[in-house]
Amino acid sequence: MSTLDQAPPATTPHPSGTPTTAATPTGRRQAARMTGRQKLVLALLLGSQFMVAVDFSILNVALPVVGAGLGFSLADLQWIATAFALTAAGFTLLFGRVADLFGRKRLFLGGMALLGLSSALGGLATSPGMLLVARVLQGLATAAVTPAGLSLLTTSFKEGPLRDRALGLNGALMSAGFTAGAILGGLLTDLLSWRWAFLINVPVAALVVILAPSAIPDSRPAGRSRLDVPGAVAVTGGLLTLVYGLTQAGETGWGDPATLAALVAGAALLAGFWFIEKRSADPLVPVQIMKRPTVVWGNAVGLIAFVTETSLVFLLTLYLQKVLDYSPLATGLAFGVLGLGTVIGGTFGGRAVGRMGNRATIVTGGVIQAVATVSLVALGTSGAWIWLLLAATFIGGVGNMFMIVGFMVTATSGLPDHEQGLATGLATMTQQVGITMGIPIMSAIATARMTALDGSGPDAVLSGVSLAILVNSAVVLVGAVLAGAFLAPRRDEHAPVK
C-alpha cells in the first residue's frame, strides 16, 4: 500500500507548505497539484541539476580543440574530463552527509556560487594548469550541488505522486543534460569558441544564486551531529582511487599495474569504510540504511542504468564517427533523438511509478531498453542504418528513464527527512560512478574485439561495437531481473525495515 493510501481522511500540513489530503478521489487530485512556489522551486532545482549534467559531456566533442588552444599534449588531454569526474564522484557522498548536518540550502547555494566562479575561471583559462584547476573546482561544485539539490527536492515534495513527478522530471533532465551537453558543446565550439562551454554556466548559476534564497525553503537539521572524519576520509579516498582506476582502464587497459593498484586500493578503502561505519558513534552512512532493500537494490539498478546508457552513447559515437564518418557536430545532433526519448521517459516515468509501483516500472523500463539496445547489433556500414539507430536510441531512452525514475524513487523512499541528504548522496554517487565506470568497461570489450581482428578500419570497429552492445543489452536485462526478484511488490515498497 502506498503512503497516500495509508493517509488519514483529513488535510494535514507538510513542511514544504503544501497541504496533503485524504485518500479519496478528490484528495488524490488535490495532492497532485503544485503550488506556484513549488513550481518555482522545481524550476530552480531542475535547472541547476540540468546544468551540472551538461557539464559532464559538454567538453567531450571539444577536447581536441581545447587541447590545441591551450597546449595540452595528446596523452594529457583525458585529464580535462578525468579531473572533473574524479572530484564529482569522489566527494558526492561526503557532501550529501554535510548537507544533512549543516544545511542543504546553504550547501546548495555555496555549490552554485562555486560552479559559476569555476566556470568563469575555465572560460578565461590561459594554461593547462589553470583549466585543470577550474575542472577540479567544477567537480567539487557538482559534488555539492547534486545531492543538496536532490535532498531539497525530496524534502520540498511529500512522498507520493508529487515527489514521483518531480523526481521523474529531474531524472529526465539529468539524462537529457548528458545528451544535450554533447550537442551544445559541438554547437558552441563550431559557432563561437570552446570557452563558451564554460562561460554559458555563469549567468545560469548567477540567476539561481539570486532567486533561490527567497524561493527555496530552508532545510536545516534538528540537531547537530559530529562529522565522521575517518569514514569521510576512507570513502572519499576509496571513490577517488576507484574512479581513477576505472578511468585509466579505458586509456591504458585493465592489465596496467597502475590501474590495478588503483582499483585494489579503492576496493580496500571502501571495505575499510564499511568496518569504520559499523563502529562509529556518528557514522557517515549508518549501516542499517544499507540493509534496506530499497536502498541496496534501488542503487544497484541505478548503477546498471547509468553504466549502460552513457557507455552506449560512447559506443554509438565510435560507430557514427569511425564507421559512418560523421562529424562531431553531426554526431551530437544524432543523439538529439535519444535526448527526446529520455525527456518523454522521465515525464511519464513518475506517472508509471504511481500506477504500477517502483518494481514494475523498473522491470518494464529495463526490458524496453534491453530489446531496443540489442536491435543495434544489426547496424551495418551503410548510412541507411542511421534510421535504426535513431529509432532504437529513442525507444531505449524511454526505457532507460523508466529505470532511472524507478531507481530514484526507490532509493529515496521510506526515509525520514533528516536522512534525505544521505539517500540522495548515495543515489548521486551511484549515478556519477556509473557514468564513469561504463565507458572504460565497454571500451575495453570493443577494443579487445578490434585487437583480435587486428584492425582499426570500419569493419573491425563495427564488430567491436556490436559485441559491446550485446554485452550492454545483457547487463540491462540482468538489472531488470534483479529488480523483479529482490525489490518488494508495490504494497510493501515503502514499508519500514523491521
Protein backbone atom coordinates (compact mmCIF):
# COMPACT_ATOMS: atom_id res chain seq x y z
CA MET A 1 0.00 0.00 0.00
CA SER A 2 1.35 3.43 -0.88
CA THR A 3 1.91 6.25 1.58
CA LEU A 4 -1.04 8.11 0.09
CA ASP A 5 -3.32 5.13 0.58
CA GLN A 6 -2.38 4.98 4.26
CA ALA A 7 -3.10 8.65 4.96
CA PRO A 8 -5.98 9.52 7.30
CA PRO A 9 -9.02 11.16 5.71
CA ALA A 10 -8.11 14.67 6.70
CA THR A 11 -5.98 17.55 5.47
CA THR A 12 -2.62 17.85 7.24
CA PRO A 13 0.18 20.39 6.85
CA HIS A 14 3.53 19.50 5.35
CA PRO A 15 6.87 21.25 5.99
CA SER A 16 7.03 22.34 2.37
CA GLY A 17 3.91 24.38 2.88
CA THR A 18 1.74 22.13 0.70
CA PRO A 19 -1.37 20.60 2.23
CA THR A 20 -1.76 16.86 1.89
CA THR A 21 -5.18 15.36 1.56
CA ALA A 22 -7.17 12.23 2.16
CA ALA A 23 -7.02 9.01 0.20
CA THR A 24 -10.16 9.83 -1.73
CA PRO A 25 -10.51 10.55 -5.44
CA THR A 26 -10.77 14.25 -4.63
CA GLY A 27 -7.80 14.02 -2.31
CA ARG A 28 -5.70 12.41 -4.99
CA ARG A 29 -6.45 15.20 -7.43
CA GLN A 30 -5.66 17.87 -4.83
CA ALA A 31 -2.39 16.17 -3.86
CA ALA A 32 -1.33 16.11 -7.49
CA ARG A 33 -1.41 19.90 -7.81
CA MET A 34 1.67 22.05 -7.26
CA THR A 35 1.55 25.48 -5.75
CA GLY A 36 3.11 28.41 -7.58
CA ARG A 37 6.01 28.42 -5.12
CA GLN A 38 6.61 24.71 -5.63
CA LYS A 39 6.74 25.24 -9.37
CA LEU A 40 9.39 27.94 -8.90
CA VAL A 41 11.37 25.71 -6.54
CA LEU A 42 11.13 22.88 -9.05
CA ALA A 43 12.28 25.10 -11.91
CA LEU A 44 15.32 26.35 -9.96
CA LEU A 45 16.36 22.92 -8.72
CA LEU A 46 15.80 21.22 -12.07
CA GLY A 47 17.64 24.00 -13.88
CA SER A 48 20.66 23.56 -11.62
CA GLN A 49 20.66 19.77 -12.00
CA PHE A 50 20.39 20.07 -15.77
CA MET A 51 23.35 22.43 -15.80
CA VAL A 52 25.61 20.07 -13.84
CA ALA A 53 24.54 17.17 -16.09
CA VAL A 54 25.50 19.19 -19.17
CA ASP A 55 28.95 19.75 -17.66
CA PHE A 56 29.63 16.01 -17.71
CA SER A 57 29.64 15.87 -21.50
CA ILE A 58 29.82 19.41 -22.91
CA LEU A 59 33.58 19.24 -23.45
CA ASN A 60 33.72 15.70 -24.87
CA VAL A 61 33.42 16.67 -28.54
CA ALA A 62 35.56 19.78 -27.99
CA LEU A 63 38.57 18.14 -26.27
CA PRO A 64 40.86 18.23 -29.34
CA VAL A 65 40.07 21.91 -29.89
CA VAL A 66 40.63 22.75 -26.21
CA GLY A 67 43.91 20.84 -26.23
CA ALA A 68 45.14 22.66 -29.31
CA GLY A 69 44.12 26.03 -27.89
CA LEU A 70 45.91 25.64 -24.55
CA GLY A 71 48.79 23.35 -25.49
CA PHE A 72 47.70 20.05 -23.92
CA SER A 73 49.64 17.03 -25.09
CA LEU A 74 47.59 14.20 -26.56
CA ALA A 75 48.38 11.99 -23.53
CA ASP A 76 47.22 14.66 -21.07
CA LEU A 77 44.00 15.54 -22.89
CA GLN A 78 41.95 12.97 -20.95
CA TRP A 79 42.62 14.85 -17.69
CA ILE A 80 40.24 17.60 -18.75
CA ALA A 81 37.43 15.08 -18.30
CA THR A 82 39.07 12.97 -15.58
CA ALA A 83 39.76 15.90 -13.22
CA PHE A 84 36.05 16.71 -13.23
CA ALA A 85 34.86 13.09 -12.91
CA LEU A 86 37.23 12.26 -10.04
CA THR A 87 36.14 15.09 -7.77
CA ALA A 88 32.46 14.92 -8.75
CA ALA A 89 32.21 11.22 -7.86
CA GLY A 90 34.72 11.18 -5.01
CA PHE A 91 33.17 13.90 -2.85
CA THR A 92 29.46 13.36 -3.53
CA LEU A 93 28.71 11.06 -0.60
CA LEU A 94 30.65 13.28 1.81
CA PHE A 95 28.83 16.42 0.68
CA GLY A 96 25.49 14.61 0.85
CA ARG A 97 26.09 14.00 4.54
CA VAL A 98 27.44 17.52 5.07
CA ALA A 99 24.14 18.79 3.63
CA ASP A 100 22.23 16.79 6.26
CA LEU A 101 24.42 18.03 9.11
CA PHE A 102 24.95 21.69 8.26
CA GLY A 103 22.07 22.68 5.99
CA ARG A 104 21.11 21.69 2.44
CA LYS A 105 20.18 25.14 1.23
CA ARG A 106 23.47 26.59 2.44
CA LEU A 107 25.50 23.90 0.67
CA PHE A 108 23.39 24.17 -2.48
CA LEU A 109 23.90 27.93 -2.75
CA GLY A 110 27.61 27.65 -1.97
CA GLY A 111 27.99 24.95 -4.61
CA MET A 112 26.16 27.00 -7.25
CA ALA A 113 28.33 30.04 -6.50
CA LEU A 114 31.47 27.89 -6.80
CA LEU A 115 30.18 26.41 -10.07
CA GLY A 116 29.69 29.89 -11.53
CA LEU A 117 33.14 31.09 -10.43
CA SER A 118 34.96 27.93 -11.57
CA SER A 119 33.18 28.08 -14.94
CA ALA A 120 34.36 31.67 -15.38
CA LEU A 121 37.89 30.54 -14.49
CA GLY A 122 37.72 27.76 -17.08
CA GLY A 123 36.38 30.09 -19.76
CA LEU A 124 39.23 32.53 -19.15
CA ALA A 125 41.97 29.88 -18.75
CA THR A 126 45.30 30.65 -20.41
CA SER A 127 47.22 27.48 -19.50
CA PRO A 128 46.59 23.75 -18.98
CA GLY A 129 47.11 24.07 -15.22
CA MET A 130 44.56 26.86 -14.94
CA LEU A 131 41.99 24.84 -16.86
CA LEU A 132 42.54 21.72 -14.74
CA VAL A 133 42.10 23.74 -11.54
CA ALA A 134 38.81 25.02 -12.94
CA ARG A 135 37.69 21.46 -13.75
CA VAL A 136 38.55 20.24 -10.24
CA LEU A 137 36.55 23.11 -8.74
CA GLN A 138 33.65 22.37 -11.12
CA GLY A 139 33.72 18.77 -9.92
CA LEU A 140 33.65 19.84 -6.28
CA ALA A 141 30.76 22.20 -7.01
CA THR A 142 28.87 19.39 -8.74
CA ALA A 143 29.51 17.07 -5.78
CA ALA A 144 27.89 19.69 -3.53
CA VAL A 145 25.03 20.86 -5.74
CA THR A 146 23.72 17.49 -6.88
CA PRO A 147 22.98 15.77 -3.53
CA ALA A 148 21.98 19.04 -1.85
CA GLY A 149 19.63 19.90 -4.71
CA LEU A 150 18.12 16.42 -4.75
CA SER A 151 17.56 16.40 -1.00
CA LEU A 152 15.92 19.84 -1.23
CA LEU A 153 13.72 18.38 -3.96
CA THR A 154 12.68 15.34 -1.92
CA THR A 155 12.02 17.38 1.23
CA SER A 156 10.05 20.02 -0.71
CA PHE A 157 7.60 17.40 -2.00
CA LYS A 158 5.89 14.89 0.25
CA GLU A 159 6.47 11.23 -0.63
CA GLY A 160 3.83 10.26 -3.15
CA PRO A 161 2.61 11.49 -6.57
CA LEU A 162 4.18 14.97 -6.39
CA ARG A 163 7.59 13.66 -5.40
CA ASP A 164 7.38 10.92 -8.04
CA ARG A 165 6.60 13.53 -10.68
CA ALA A 166 9.39 15.84 -9.51
CA LEU A 167 11.95 13.01 -9.45
CA GLY A 168 10.78 11.89 -12.88
CA LEU A 169 11.36 15.34 -14.33
CA ASN A 170 14.69 15.56 -12.52
CA GLY A 171 15.81 12.23 -13.95
CA ALA A 172 14.69 13.22 -17.41
CA LEU A 173 16.61 16.48 -17.34
CA MET A 174 19.71 14.88 -15.82
CA SER A 175 19.80 12.25 -18.56
CA ALA A 176 18.84 14.73 -21.27
CA GLY A 177 21.53 17.08 -19.96
CA PHE A 178 24.21 14.47 -20.62
CA THR A 179 22.99 14.19 -24.23
CA ALA A 180 22.40 17.92 -24.61
CA GLY A 181 25.95 18.58 -23.44
CA ALA A 182 27.34 16.79 -26.50
CA ILE A 183 25.08 18.78 -28.83
CA LEU A 184 25.68 22.08 -27.08
CA GLY A 185 29.43 21.51 -26.92
CA GLY A 186 29.56 20.93 -30.68
CA LEU A 187 27.42 23.97 -31.46
CA LEU A 188 29.29 26.37 -29.15
CA THR A 189 32.70 25.15 -30.33
CA ASP A 190 31.81 25.38 -34.02
CA LEU A 191 29.89 28.69 -33.86
CA LEU A 192 31.72 30.61 -31.11
CA SER A 193 34.57 29.09 -29.09
CA TRP A 194 35.18 26.19 -26.72
CA ARG A 195 35.39 28.82 -23.95
CA TRP A 196 31.62 29.26 -24.13
CA ALA A 197 31.22 25.67 -22.97
CA PHE A 198 32.37 27.10 -19.62
CA LEU A 199 31.03 30.65 -19.78
CA ILE A 200 27.44 29.59 -20.51
CA ASN A 201 27.23 28.36 -16.90
CA VAL A 202 27.98 31.74 -15.38
CA PRO A 203 24.66 33.57 -15.99
CA VAL A 204 22.63 30.43 -15.12
CA ALA A 205 24.48 29.98 -11.82
CA ALA A 206 24.09 33.69 -11.02
CA LEU A 207 20.34 33.55 -11.66
CA VAL A 208 19.91 30.54 -9.35
CA VAL A 209 22.00 32.16 -6.59
CA ILE A 210 19.90 35.33 -6.81
CA LEU A 211 16.45 33.66 -6.86
CA ALA A 212 16.98 30.58 -4.69
CA PRO A 213 17.43 32.21 -1.23
CA SER A 214 13.88 33.58 -1.18
CA ALA A 215 12.21 30.83 -3.23
CA ILE A 216 13.58 27.60 -1.78
CA PRO A 217 12.53 26.77 1.80
CA ASP A 218 15.40 26.17 4.18
CA SER A 219 16.05 22.61 5.27
CA ARG A 220 18.06 22.52 8.47
CA PRO A 221 18.82 19.58 10.73
CA ALA A 222 17.02 19.47 14.09
CA GLY A 223 20.29 18.67 15.86
CA ARG A 224 23.97 18.88 15.03
CA SER A 225 25.95 15.62 14.94
CA ARG A 226 29.69 15.27 14.55
CA LEU A 227 31.07 14.54 11.11
CA ASP A 228 32.54 11.06 10.80
CA VAL A 229 36.06 12.11 9.74
CA PRO A 230 37.64 8.62 9.46
CA GLY A 231 34.66 7.41 7.44
CA ALA A 232 34.79 10.52 5.25
CA VAL A 233 38.50 10.02 4.53
CA ALA A 234 38.02 6.31 3.74
CA VAL A 235 35.02 6.67 1.42
CA THR A 236 36.34 9.76 -0.36
CA GLY A 237 39.77 8.20 -0.84
CA GLY A 238 38.19 4.93 -1.95
CA LEU A 239 35.95 6.58 -4.50
CA LEU A 240 38.75 8.79 -5.83
CA THR A 241 41.12 5.86 -6.38
CA LEU A 242 38.36 3.61 -7.75
CA VAL A 243 37.17 6.20 -10.28
CA TYR A 244 40.80 6.96 -11.20
CA GLY A 245 41.41 3.25 -11.81
CA LEU A 246 38.27 2.92 -13.92
CA THR A 247 39.18 5.98 -15.96
CA GLN A 248 42.76 4.77 -16.50
CA ALA A 249 41.47 1.34 -17.56
CA GLY A 250 39.88 2.95 -20.59
CA GLU A 251 43.17 4.59 -21.50
CA THR A 252 45.88 2.04 -20.60
CA GLY A 253 43.95 -1.23 -20.29
CA TRP A 254 42.83 -3.33 -17.34
CA GLY A 255 46.18 -5.10 -17.00
CA ASP A 256 48.21 -1.92 -16.44
CA PRO A 257 49.92 -2.08 -12.98
CA ALA A 258 48.89 1.47 -12.04
CA THR A 259 45.28 0.73 -12.98
CA LEU A 260 45.22 -2.49 -10.97
CA ALA A 261 46.86 -0.79 -7.97
CA ALA A 262 44.25 1.98 -8.01
CA LEU A 263 41.34 -0.48 -8.27
CA VAL A 264 42.68 -2.64 -5.44
CA ALA A 265 43.37 0.41 -3.25
CA GLY A 266 39.88 1.76 -3.92
CA ALA A 267 38.25 -1.57 -3.06
CA ALA A 268 40.35 -1.84 0.15
CA LEU A 269 39.45 1.68 1.29
CA LEU A 270 35.74 1.10 0.63
CA ALA A 271 35.89 -2.19 2.57
CA GLY A 272 37.61 -0.31 5.38
CA PHE A 273 34.87 2.30 5.24
CA TRP A 274 32.26 -0.40 5.92
CA PHE A 275 34.05 -1.56 9.08
CA ILE A 276 34.60 2.04 10.24
CA GLU A 277 30.88 2.75 9.89
CA LYS A 278 29.95 -0.35 11.92
CA ARG A 279 31.93 1.01 14.88
CA SER A 280 31.32 4.75 14.53
CA ALA A 281 29.10 6.59 17.03
CA ASP A 282 28.10 9.10 14.31
CA PRO A 283 28.58 7.19 11.05
CA LEU A 284 28.69 8.94 7.71
CA VAL A 285 26.45 6.17 6.37
CA PRO A 286 24.54 4.31 9.10
CA VAL A 287 24.95 0.59 8.43
CA GLN A 288 21.23 -0.02 8.95
CA ILE A 289 20.34 2.15 5.96
CA MET A 290 22.42 -0.15 3.75
CA LYS A 291 20.28 -3.07 4.93
CA ARG A 292 17.19 -1.58 3.38
CA PRO A 293 16.29 -3.47 0.19
CA THR A 294 15.09 -0.23 -1.40
CA VAL A 295 18.49 1.41 -0.87
CA VAL A 296 20.61 -1.61 -1.88
CA TRP A 297 18.67 -2.80 -4.92
CA GLY A 298 17.47 0.65 -5.94
CA ASN A 299 21.09 1.83 -6.21
CA ALA A 300 22.13 -1.43 -7.92
CA VAL A 301 19.53 -0.80 -10.62
CA GLY A 302 20.60 2.84 -10.89
CA LEU A 303 24.23 1.85 -11.34
CA ILE A 304 23.27 -0.51 -14.18
CA ALA A 305 21.05 2.13 -15.82
CA PHE A 306 23.83 4.73 -15.91
CA VAL A 307 26.62 2.27 -16.82
CA THR A 308 24.70 1.04 -19.84
CA GLU A 309 23.19 4.21 -21.30
CA THR A 310 26.22 6.50 -21.02
CA SER A 311 28.52 3.79 -22.39
CA LEU A 312 26.06 3.17 -25.23
CA VAL A 313 26.44 6.83 -26.21
CA PHE A 314 30.20 6.28 -26.31
CA LEU A 315 29.87 3.12 -28.44
CA LEU A 316 27.50 4.78 -30.88
CA THR A 317 29.84 7.77 -31.10
CA LEU A 318 32.54 5.35 -32.30
CA TYR A 319 30.09 3.89 -34.81
CA LEU A 320 28.95 7.25 -36.16
CA GLN A 321 32.42 8.77 -36.45
CA LYS A 322 34.59 5.74 -37.31
CA VAL A 323 32.13 3.73 -39.42
CA LEU A 324 29.71 6.28 -40.91
CA ASP A 325 32.30 9.13 -40.87
CA TYR A 326 30.05 11.66 -39.09
CA SER A 327 31.50 14.94 -37.83
CA PRO A 328 31.42 15.72 -34.05
CA LEU A 329 28.55 18.18 -34.58
CA ALA A 330 26.54 15.70 -36.68
CA THR A 331 27.18 13.03 -34.03
CA GLY A 332 25.86 15.30 -31.29
CA LEU A 333 22.77 16.14 -33.33
CA ALA A 334 22.08 12.43 -33.93
CA PHE A 335 21.85 11.96 -30.17
CA GLY A 336 19.11 14.58 -30.01
CA VAL A 337 16.59 11.78 -30.62
CA LEU A 338 17.95 9.93 -27.58
CA GLY A 339 17.56 13.13 -25.56
CA LEU A 340 13.93 13.40 -26.69
CA GLY A 341 13.33 9.81 -25.59
CA THR A 342 14.78 10.46 -22.15
CA VAL A 343 12.63 13.56 -21.66
CA ILE A 344 9.50 11.62 -22.60
CA GLY A 345 10.54 8.68 -20.41
CA GLY A 346 11.21 10.95 -17.45
CA THR A 347 7.95 12.84 -17.92
CA PHE A 348 5.88 9.65 -17.88
CA GLY A 349 8.16 7.72 -15.53
CA GLY A 350 6.72 9.37 -12.43
CA ARG A 351 3.20 8.52 -13.56
CA ALA A 352 4.25 4.94 -14.24
CA VAL A 353 5.60 4.63 -10.70
CA GLY A 354 2.31 5.97 -9.34
CA ARG A 355 0.25 3.48 -11.34
CA MET A 356 2.43 0.37 -11.42
CA GLY A 357 4.82 0.78 -8.50
CA ASN A 358 8.60 1.06 -8.44
CA ARG A 359 9.41 -2.56 -9.23
CA ALA A 360 7.11 -2.89 -12.23
CA THR A 361 8.33 0.44 -13.65
CA ILE A 362 11.99 -0.62 -13.36
CA VAL A 363 11.37 -4.06 -14.88
CA THR A 364 9.30 -2.61 -17.75
CA GLY A 365 11.91 0.04 -18.48
CA GLY A 366 14.75 -2.49 -18.33
CA VAL A 367 13.07 -4.86 -20.78
CA ILE A 368 12.30 -1.99 -23.19
CA GLN A 369 15.89 -0.71 -23.00
CA ALA A 370 17.39 -4.20 -23.41
CA VAL A 371 15.28 -5.01 -26.50
CA ALA A 372 15.99 -1.62 -28.11
CA THR A 373 19.71 -1.95 -27.39
CA VAL A 374 20.10 -5.48 -28.73
CA SER A 375 18.48 -4.39 -32.02
CA LEU A 376 21.55 -2.18 -32.60
CA VAL A 377 23.64 -5.30 -33.15
CA ALA A 378 22.13 -5.29 -36.66
CA LEU A 379 23.85 -1.97 -37.56
CA GLY A 380 25.91 -2.08 -40.76
CA THR A 381 28.39 0.10 -42.63
CA SER A 382 25.77 1.78 -44.83
CA GLY A 383 24.46 5.23 -43.93
CA ALA A 384 20.90 3.90 -44.23
CA TRP A 385 21.34 2.21 -40.84
CA ILE A 386 21.04 5.62 -39.14
CA TRP A 387 17.27 5.13 -39.05
CA LEU A 388 17.62 2.01 -36.91
CA LEU A 389 20.00 3.88 -34.62
CA LEU A 390 17.58 6.80 -34.22
CA ALA A 391 14.56 4.58 -33.56
CA ALA A 392 16.40 2.27 -31.14
CA THR A 393 18.00 5.08 -29.13
CA PHE A 394 14.66 6.88 -28.83
CA ILE A 395 12.85 3.78 -27.54
CA GLY A 396 15.81 2.75 -25.40
CA GLY A 397 15.96 6.26 -23.92
CA VAL A 398 12.34 5.98 -22.79
CA GLY A 399 13.05 2.60 -21.17
CA ASN A 400 16.26 3.84 -19.55
CA MET A 401 14.42 6.76 -17.96
CA PHE A 402 11.75 4.43 -16.56
CA MET A 403 14.62 2.59 -14.84
CA ILE A 404 16.23 5.80 -13.59
CA VAL A 405 12.99 7.29 -12.25
CA GLY A 406 12.15 3.99 -10.58
CA PHE A 407 15.65 3.91 -9.09
CA MET A 408 15.47 7.47 -7.73
CA VAL A 409 12.02 6.96 -6.18
CA THR A 410 13.03 3.60 -4.71
CA ALA A 411 16.36 4.75 -3.29
CA THR A 412 14.83 7.78 -1.51
CA SER A 413 11.52 6.28 -0.34
CA GLY A 414 10.57 5.40 3.20
CA LEU A 415 13.33 7.53 4.79
CA PRO A 416 12.84 10.47 7.19
CA ASP A 417 13.69 13.98 6.00
CA HIS A 418 16.88 14.12 8.10
CA GLU A 419 18.32 11.21 6.05
CA GLN A 420 17.31 12.51 2.62
CA GLY A 421 20.71 14.14 2.04
CA LEU A 422 22.36 10.81 2.73
CA ALA A 423 19.94 8.91 0.47
CA THR A 424 20.31 11.38 -2.38
CA GLY A 425 24.08 11.46 -1.84
CA LEU A 426 24.18 7.67 -2.28
CA ALA A 427 21.96 7.91 -5.35
CA THR A 428 24.07 10.68 -6.86
CA MET A 429 27.27 8.76 -6.13
CA THR A 430 25.72 5.77 -7.90
CA GLN A 431 24.90 7.95 -10.89
CA GLN A 432 28.33 9.51 -11.19
CA VAL A 433 30.28 6.29 -10.63
CA GLY A 434 28.02 4.63 -13.23
CA ILE A 435 28.73 7.36 -15.77
CA THR A 436 32.47 6.99 -15.14
CA MET A 437 32.51 3.17 -14.98
CA GLY A 438 30.52 2.36 -18.12
CA ILE A 439 32.81 3.84 -20.76
CA PRO A 440 36.08 2.09 -19.76
CA ILE A 441 34.29 -1.27 -19.39
CA MET A 442 32.56 -1.15 -22.78
CA SER A 443 35.63 0.42 -24.39
CA ALA A 444 37.75 -2.49 -23.17
CA ILE A 445 35.29 -5.01 -24.66
CA ALA A 446 35.17 -3.23 -28.02
CA THR A 447 38.94 -2.71 -28.12
CA ALA A 448 39.66 -6.36 -27.29
CA ARG A 449 37.46 -7.43 -30.20
CA MET A 450 39.13 -4.99 -32.60
CA THR A 451 42.57 -6.15 -31.46
CA ALA A 452 41.59 -9.78 -32.03
CA LEU A 453 40.62 -8.85 -35.60
CA ASP A 454 43.94 -6.99 -35.93
CA GLY A 455 42.40 -3.90 -37.47
CA SER A 456 41.03 -0.42 -36.85
CA GLY A 457 39.03 0.00 -40.05
CA PRO A 458 35.25 0.38 -40.25
CA ASP A 459 34.59 -3.37 -40.25
CA ALA A 460 36.75 -4.01 -37.19
CA VAL A 461 35.24 -1.05 -35.32
CA LEU A 462 31.73 -2.22 -36.18
CA SER A 463 32.50 -5.73 -34.91
CA GLY A 464 33.91 -4.40 -31.63
CA VAL A 465 31.00 -2.03 -31.13
CA SER A 466 28.47 -4.77 -31.88
CA LEU A 467 29.98 -7.12 -29.28
CA ALA A 468 30.00 -4.38 -26.63
CA ILE A 469 26.38 -3.50 -27.47
CA LEU A 470 25.39 -7.15 -26.99
CA VAL A 471 27.03 -7.17 -23.55
CA ASN A 472 25.40 -3.82 -22.77
CA SER A 473 21.96 -5.23 -23.53
CA ALA A 474 22.60 -8.33 -21.39
CA VAL A 475 23.63 -6.16 -18.42
CA VAL A 476 20.39 -4.16 -18.69
CA LEU A 477 18.38 -7.36 -18.72
CA VAL A 478 20.22 -8.60 -15.62
CA GLY A 479 19.29 -5.34 -13.87
CA ALA A 480 15.63 -5.83 -14.72
CA VAL A 481 15.72 -9.43 -13.44
CA LEU A 482 17.40 -8.33 -10.18
CA ALA A 483 14.74 -5.66 -9.64
CA GLY A 484 11.96 -8.15 -10.27
CA ALA A 485 13.50 -10.71 -7.91
CA PHE A 486 14.63 -8.58 -4.98
CA LEU A 487 12.51 -5.43 -4.84
CA ALA A 488 9.29 -5.69 -2.85
CA PRO A 489 5.92 -5.68 -4.64
CA ARG A 490 4.06 -2.40 -4.75
CA ARG A 491 2.16 -2.75 -1.46
CA ASP A 492 5.40 -3.22 0.51
CA GLU A 493 7.70 -0.77 -1.30
CA HIS A 494 7.67 1.84 1.45
CA ALA A 495 7.41 -0.50 4.42
CA PRO A 496 9.97 0.27 7.15
CA VAL A 497 12.77 -2.17 7.89
CA LYS A 498 11.96 -4.29 10.95
